[in-house]
Amino acid sequence: MEAEKSKEVPPPEEMNAEETKDDEEDPTTFNRIEEILKENDIDYDVATHKAAITAQESADVRGATLESGAKSMLIVDRSKKLNSVYFLCVMSAAEKINWKLIKEIIGTKKLKLATVEEVLTQTGCAVGGVPPFGSLFNVHTYVDNSLVEQGETISFNAGLKTRSILMKTEDYLKVENPNLCNFIVKEEPKSE
């Protein structure tokens, strides 16, 4: 596996501060992901790139398709009076979450997207940098089948908005062992 962008984009020390923003982010999660992948003898590539804001920008700087992006959304169940329970929902970056379906899957009526502060507190990552590994944060991971069906490889921000990992989808599933289900918005076929 070879990441095209990892060759074309200069290392962080050659980028200006506006492009990398690593100094504002904690590399702990990135380092933990690399340790886990190495311990499990998983092949992967790292792409170093300027920080991207949208999923499409991320795909572009990685040299990957939007569909192969593993979009991670930290959600919170606030139905428990004293403790909030967090979950990580991962899907193809080209898709949108269907809140009704994910509520049914998890079995609650009070799911919400975690706040910026909650994301940072629970994961140590900024919004947009959360990787698809809920196990790193003691959070259960749900993966929509759209990510599996899109192809053989996935790409994702790895705890830093300036570092992405590209790896085989099957290796990701083996390492993370998430709940596979269907929770995206399905487009209705257009009638003619």
C-alpha atoms as a PDB file:
ATOM      1  CA  MET A   1       0.000   0.000   0.000  1.00  0.00           C
ATOM      2  CA  GLU A   2       1.475   3.336  -0.961  1.00  0.00           C
ATOM      3  CA  ALA A   3       0.012   6.770  -0.247  1.00  0.00           C
ATOM      4  CA  GLU A   4       0.584   9.138  -3.118  1.00  0.00           C
ATOM      5  CA  LYS A   5       0.238  12.240  -0.976  1.00  0.00           C
ATOM      6  CA  SER A   6       2.793  11.072   1.576  1.00  0.00           C
ATOM      7  CA  LYS A   7       5.411  11.487  -1.156  1.00  0.00           C
ATOM      8  CA  GLU A   8       4.155  14.789  -2.589  1.00  0.00           C
ATOM      9  CA  VAL A   9       3.435  16.735   0.590  1.00  0.00           C
ATOM     10  CA  PRO A  10       6.463  18.044   2.502  1.00  0.00           C
ATOM     11  CA  PRO A  11       7.093  16.881   6.055  1.00  0.00           C
ATOM     12  CA  PRO A  12       5.633  19.093   8.795  1.00  0.00           C
ATOM     13  CA  GLU A  13       8.939  20.829   9.528  1.00  0.00           C
ATOM     14  CA  GLU A  14       8.954  22.141   5.939  1.00  0.00           C
ATOM     15  CA  MET A  15       5.361  23.422   6.096  1.00  0.00           C
ATOM     16  CA  ASN A  16       4.455  26.785   7.542  1.00  0.00           C
ATOM     17  CA  ALA A  17       2.552  26.947  10.830  1.00  0.00           C
ATOM     18  CA  GLU A  18      -0.715  27.794   9.087  1.00  0.00           C
ATOM     19  CA  GLU A  19      -0.535  24.559   7.079  1.00  0.00           C
ATOM     20  CA  THR A  20       0.227  22.127   9.904  1.00  0.00           C
ATOM     21  CA  LYS A  21      -1.244  23.360  13.193  1.00  0.00           C
ATOM     22  CA  ASP A  22       0.338  20.281  14.864  1.00  0.00           C
ATOM     23  CA  ASP A  23       1.616  22.558  17.613  1.00  0.00           C
ATOM     24  CA  GLU A  24      -2.018  23.004  18.742  1.00  0.00           C
ATOM     25  CA  GLU A  25      -2.862  19.293  18.640  1.00  0.00           C
ATOM     26  CA  ASP A  26      -1.749  16.427  20.845  1.00  0.00           C
ATOM     27  CA  PRO A  27       0.044  13.612  18.943  1.00  0.00           C
ATOM     28  CA  THR A  28      -0.837  10.995  21.593  1.00  0.00           C
ATOM     29  CA  THR A  29      -3.715   9.457  19.622  1.00  0.00           C
ATOM     30  CA  PHE A  30      -1.691   9.313  16.409  1.00  0.00           C
ATOM     31  CA  ASN A  31       1.140   7.563  18.268  1.00  0.00           C
ATOM     32  CA  ARG A  32      -1.276   5.072  19.879  1.00  0.00           C
ATOM     33  CA  ILE A  33      -2.809   4.193  16.505  1.00  0.00           C
ATOM     34  CA  GLU A  34       0.629   3.559  15.027  1.00  0.00           C
ATOM     35  CA  GLU A  35       1.542   1.334  17.995  1.00  0.00           C
ATOM     36  CA  ILE A  36      -1.643  -0.724  17.607  1.00  0.00           C
ATOM     37  CA  LEU A  37      -1.154  -1.145  13.862  1.00  0.00           C
ATOM     38  CA  LYS A  38       2.490  -2.162  14.299  1.00  0.00           C
ATOM     39  CA  GLU A  39       1.645  -4.582  17.144  1.00  0.00           C
ATOM     40  CA  ASN A  40      -0.925  -6.235  14.859  1.00  0.00           C
ATOM     41  CA  ASP A  41       1.490  -6.303  11.901  1.00  0.00           C
ATOM     42  CA  ILE A  42      -0.862  -4.167   9.793  1.00  0.00           C
ATOM     43  CA  ASP A  43       0.358  -2.466   6.614  1.00  0.00           C
ATOM     44  CA  TYR A  44      -0.601   1.190   6.422  1.00  0.00           C
ATOM     45  CA  ASP A  45       0.579   4.486   4.995  1.00  0.00           C
ATOM     46  CA  VAL A  46       0.761   7.881   6.632  1.00  0.00           C
ATOM     47  CA  ALA A  47      -0.014  10.995   4.628  1.00  0.00           C
ATOM     48  CA  THR A  48       1.269  14.304   5.959  1.00  0.00           C
ATOM     49  CA  HIS A  49      -0.739  17.221   4.645  1.00  0.00           C
ATOM     50  CA  LYS A  50      -2.088  20.649   5.369  1.00  0.00           C
ATOM     51  CA  ALA A  51      -5.029  20.761   7.747  1.00  0.00           C
ATOM     52  CA  ALA A  52      -8.331  20.215   5.953  1.00  0.00           C
ATOM     53  CA  ILE A  53     -11.711  21.456   7.103  1.00  0.00           C
ATOM     54  CA  THR A  54     -14.216  19.477   5.033  1.00  0.00           C
ATOM     55  CA  ALA A  55     -14.379  15.779   4.226  1.00  0.00           C
ATOM     56  CA  GLN A  56     -13.849  16.585   0.540  1.00  0.00           C
ATOM     57  CA  GLU A  57     -10.740  18.653   1.336  1.00  0.00           C
ATOM     58  CA  SER A  58      -9.423  15.747   3.409  1.00  0.00           C
ATOM     59  CA  ALA A  59      -9.976  13.335   0.529  1.00  0.00           C
ATOM     60  CA  ASP A  60      -8.259  15.720  -1.874  1.00  0.00           C
ATOM     61  CA  VAL A  61      -5.127  16.195   0.265  1.00  0.00           C
ATOM     62  CA  ARG A  62      -4.897  12.420   0.806  1.00  0.00           C
ATOM     63  CA  GLY A  63      -5.286  11.640  -2.871  1.00  0.00           C
ATOM     64  CA  ALA A  64      -8.236   9.401  -1.979  1.00  0.00           C
ATOM     65  CA  THR A  65     -11.938   9.266  -2.812  1.00  0.00           C
ATOM     66  CA  LEU A  66     -14.506  10.921  -0.573  1.00  0.00           C
ATOM     67  CA  GLU A  67     -16.230   7.543  -0.205  1.00  0.00           C
ATOM     68  CA  SER A  68     -13.101   5.925   1.257  1.00  0.00           C
ATOM     69  CA  GLY A  69     -12.896   8.484   4.050  1.00  0.00           C
ATOM     70  CA  ALA A  70     -13.885   7.044   7.424  1.00  0.00           C
ATOM     71  CA  LYS A  71     -15.985   9.815   8.977  1.00  0.00           C
ATOM     72  CA  SER A  72     -16.064   9.467  12.765  1.00  0.00           C
ATOM     73  CA  MET A  73     -18.826  11.107  14.773  1.00  0.00           C
ATOM     74  CA  LEU A  74     -18.782  11.045  18.568  1.00  0.00           C
ATOM     75  CA  ILE A  75     -22.360  10.859  19.786  1.00  0.00           C
ATOM     76  CA  VAL A  76     -23.716  10.952  23.308  1.00  0.00           C
ATOM     77  CA  ASP A  77     -26.684   9.268  24.963  1.00  0.00           C
ATOM     78  CA  ARG A  78     -28.042  11.714  27.520  1.00  0.00           C
ATOM     79  CA  SER A  79     -30.897   9.472  28.675  1.00  0.00           C
ATOM     80  CA  LYS A  80     -28.952   8.430  31.773  1.00  0.00           C
ATOM     81  CA  LYS A  81     -29.648  10.955  34.540  1.00  0.00           C
ATOM     82  CA  LEU A  82     -26.145  10.994  36.030  1.00  0.00           C
ATOM     83  CA  ASN A  83     -23.810   9.723  33.314  1.00  0.00           C
ATOM     84  CA  SER A  84     -23.662  10.433  29.629  1.00  0.00           C
ATOM     85  CA  VAL A  85     -22.678   7.440  27.494  1.00  0.00           C
ATOM     86  CA  TYR A  86     -20.581   7.999  24.376  1.00  0.00           C
ATOM     87  CA  PHE A  87     -20.466   6.070  21.109  1.00  0.00           C
ATOM     88  CA  LEU A  88     -18.415   6.460  17.953  1.00  0.00           C
ATOM     89  CA  CYS A  89     -20.333   6.211  14.674  1.00  0.00           C
ATOM     90  CA  VAL A  90     -18.153   5.652  11.614  1.00  0.00           C
ATOM     91  CA  MET A  91     -19.355   5.784   8.033  1.00  0.00           C
ATOM     92  CA  SER A  92     -18.177   6.657   4.544  1.00  0.00           C
ATOM     93  CA  ALA A  93     -17.439  10.372   4.452  1.00  0.00           C
ATOM     94  CA  ALA A  94     -19.817  10.648   1.493  1.00  0.00           C
ATOM     95  CA  GLU A  95     -22.761   9.678   3.719  1.00  0.00           C
ATOM     96  CA  LYS A  96     -24.944  11.280   6.402  1.00  0.00           C
ATOM     97  CA  ILE A  97     -26.120   9.701   9.625  1.00  0.00           C
ATOM     98  CA  ASN A  98     -29.780   8.723   9.982  1.00  0.00           C
ATOM     99  CA  TRP A  99     -30.498   9.656  13.606  1.00  0.00           C
ATOM    100  CA  LYS A 100     -33.670   7.572  13.770  1.00  0.00           C
ATOM    101  CA  LEU A 101     -31.809   4.416  12.705  1.00  0.00           C
ATOM    102  CA  ILE A 102     -28.837   4.881  15.042  1.00  0.00           C
ATOM    103  CA  LYS A 103     -31.189   5.571  17.976  1.00  0.00           C
ATOM    104  CA  GLU A 104     -32.980   2.293  17.221  1.00  0.00           C
ATOM    105  CA  ILE A 105     -29.673   0.393  16.951  1.00  0.00           C
ATOM    106  CA  ILE A 106     -28.339   1.757  20.233  1.00  0.00           C
ATOM    107  CA  GLY A 107     -31.739   1.575  21.912  1.00  0.00           C
ATOM    108  CA  THR A 108     -32.232   5.135  23.109  1.00  0.00           C
ATOM    109  CA  LYS A 109     -34.203   8.244  22.232  1.00  0.00           C
ATOM    110  CA  LYS A 110     -31.754  10.864  23.498  1.00  0.00           C
ATOM    111  CA  LEU A 111     -28.750  10.703  21.155  1.00  0.00           C
ATOM    112  CA  LYS A 112     -27.029  13.918  20.194  1.00  0.00           C
ATOM    113  CA  LEU A 113     -23.801  14.875  18.504  1.00  0.00           C
ATOM    114  CA  ALA A 114     -21.139  15.508  21.146  1.00  0.00           C
ATOM    115  CA  THR A 115     -20.126  19.124  21.654  1.00  0.00           C
ATOM    116  CA  VAL A 116     -16.683  20.405  20.651  1.00  0.00           C
ATOM    117  CA  GLU A 117     -15.689  20.364  24.326  1.00  0.00           C
ATOM    118  CA  GLU A 118     -16.959  16.807  24.828  1.00  0.00           C
ATOM    119  CA  VAL A 119     -15.035  15.584  21.772  1.00  0.00           C
ATOM    120  CA  LEU A 120     -11.818  17.069  23.126  1.00  0.00           C
ATOM    121  CA  THR A 121     -12.440  15.774  26.655  1.00  0.00           C
ATOM    122  CA  GLN A 122     -13.399  12.235  25.579  1.00  0.00           C
ATOM    123  CA  THR A 123     -10.834  11.737  22.808  1.00  0.00           C
ATOM    124  CA  GLY A 124      -8.071  14.290  23.267  1.00  0.00           C
ATOM    125  CA  CYS A 125      -8.632  15.180  19.596  1.00  0.00           C
ATOM    126  CA  ALA A 126     -10.038  18.264  17.950  1.00  0.00           C
ATOM    127  CA  VAL A 127     -13.231  17.912  15.939  1.00  0.00           C
ATOM    128  CA  GLY A 128     -12.166  16.650  12.523  1.00  0.00           C
ATOM    129  CA  GLY A 129      -9.206  14.736  13.915  1.00  0.00           C
ATOM    130  CA  VAL A 130     -11.053  11.878  15.650  1.00  0.00           C
ATOM    131  CA  PRO A 131      -9.997   8.524  14.173  1.00  0.00           C
ATOM    132  CA  PRO A 132     -12.410   5.588  13.684  1.00  0.00           C
ATOM    133  CA  PHE A 133     -11.035   3.755  16.727  1.00  0.00           C
ATOM    134  CA  GLY A 134     -13.501   4.175  19.588  1.00  0.00           C
ATOM    135  CA  SER A 135     -11.581   1.470  21.455  1.00  0.00           C
ATOM    136  CA  LEU A 136      -8.779   4.002  22.012  1.00  0.00           C
ATOM    137  CA  PHE A 137     -11.193   6.077  24.078  1.00  0.00           C
ATOM    138  CA  ASN A 138     -13.141   3.237  25.771  1.00  0.00           C
ATOM    139  CA  VAL A 139     -16.088   4.058  23.521  1.00  0.00           C
ATOM    140  CA  HIS A 140     -18.102   1.472  21.599  1.00  0.00           C
ATOM    141  CA  THR A 141     -17.727   1.769  17.812  1.00  0.00           C
ATOM    142  CA  TYR A 142     -20.547   1.350  15.292  1.00  0.00           C
ATOM    143  CA  VAL A 143     -19.527   1.172  11.628  1.00  0.00           C
ATOM    144  CA  ASP A 144     -22.021   1.632   8.838  1.00  0.00           C
ATOM    145  CA  ASN A 145     -21.743  -0.860   6.001  1.00  0.00           C
ATOM    146  CA  SER A 146     -21.227   2.061   3.586  1.00  0.00           C
ATOM    147  CA  LEU A 147     -17.595   2.140   4.692  1.00  0.00           C
ATOM    148  CA  VAL A 148     -17.118  -1.579   4.006  1.00  0.00           C
ATOM    149  CA  GLU A 149     -18.954  -1.487   0.683  1.00  0.00           C
ATOM    150  CA  GLN A 150     -17.033   1.495  -0.731  1.00  0.00           C
ATOM    151  CA  GLY A 151     -13.842  -0.444  -1.417  1.00  0.00           C
ATOM    152  CA  GLU A 152     -10.721  -2.182  -0.179  1.00  0.00           C
ATOM    153  CA  THR A 153      -9.061   0.773   1.559  1.00  0.00           C
ATOM    154  CA  ILE A 154     -10.077   3.486   3.975  1.00  0.00           C
ATOM    155  CA  SER A 155      -8.428   6.751   4.945  1.00  0.00           C
ATOM    156  CA  PHE A 156      -8.910   8.873   8.031  1.00  0.00           C
ATOM    157  CA  ASN A 157      -7.463  11.644  10.153  1.00  0.00           C
ATOM    158  CA  ALA A 158      -5.402   9.946  12.822  1.00  0.00           C
ATOM    159  CA  GLY A 159      -5.824  12.173  15.841  1.00  0.00           C
ATOM    160  CA  LEU A 160      -4.249  15.102  14.021  1.00  0.00           C
ATOM    161  CA  LYS A 161      -5.799  17.121  11.218  1.00  0.00           C
ATOM    162  CA  THR A 162      -2.432  17.052   9.437  1.00  0.00           C
ATOM    163  CA  ARG A 163      -1.861  13.277   9.506  1.00  0.00           C
ATOM    164  CA  SER A 164      -3.973  10.670   7.783  1.00  0.00           C
ATOM    165  CA  ILE A 165      -3.687   6.922   7.730  1.00  0.00           C
ATOM    166  CA  LEU A 166      -4.570   4.844   4.688  1.00  0.00           C
ATOM    167  CA  MET A 167      -5.109   1.139   5.301  1.00  0.00           C
ATOM    168  CA  LYS A 168      -7.075  -1.884   4.137  1.00  0.00           C
ATOM    169  CA  THR A 169     -10.688  -1.909   5.247  1.00  0.00           C
ATOM    170  CA  GLU A 170     -10.455  -5.541   6.356  1.00  0.00           C
ATOM    171  CA  ASP A 171      -7.433  -4.736   8.551  1.00  0.00           C
ATOM    172  CA  TYR A 172      -9.309  -1.882  10.195  1.00  0.00           C
ATOM    173  CA  LEU A 173     -12.263  -4.172  10.941  1.00  0.00           C
ATOM    174  CA  LYS A 174      -9.935  -6.843  12.331  1.00  0.00           C
ATOM    175  CA  VAL A 175      -8.169  -4.428  14.678  1.00  0.00           C
ATOM    176  CA  GLU A 176     -11.186  -2.407  15.846  1.00  0.00           C
ATOM    177  CA  ASN A 177     -13.851  -5.163  15.773  1.00  0.00           C
ATOM    178  CA  PRO A 178     -16.776  -2.708  15.605  1.00  0.00           C
ATOM    179  CA  ASN A 179     -20.511  -3.353  15.416  1.00  0.00           C
ATOM    180  CA  LEU A 180     -21.366  -3.427  11.685  1.00  0.00           C
ATOM    181  CA  CYS A 181     -24.823  -2.064  10.914  1.00  0.00           C
ATOM    182  CA  ASN A 182     -26.793   0.286   8.655  1.00  0.00           C
ATOM    183  CA  PHE A 183     -27.426   3.811   9.915  1.00  0.00           C
ATOM    184  CA  ILE A 184     -26.968   6.204   7.001  1.00  0.00           C
ATOM    185  CA  VAL A 185     -29.554   8.260   5.152  1.00  0.00           C
ATOM    186  CA  LYS A 186     -30.633   6.277   2.102  1.00  0.00           C
ATOM    187  CA  GLU A 187     -31.606   8.261  -0.957  1.00  0.00           C
ATOM    188  CA  GLU A 188     -34.985   7.307  -2.375  1.00  0.00           C
ATOM    189  CA  PRO A 189     -34.713   6.175  -5.978  1.00  0.00           C
ATOM    190  CA  LYS A 190     -36.085   8.815  -8.317  1.00  0.00           C
ATOM    191  CA  SER A 191     -39.115   7.695 -10.290  1.00  0.00           C
ATOM    192  CA  GLU A 192     -39.378   8.676 -13.920  1.00  0.00           C
END
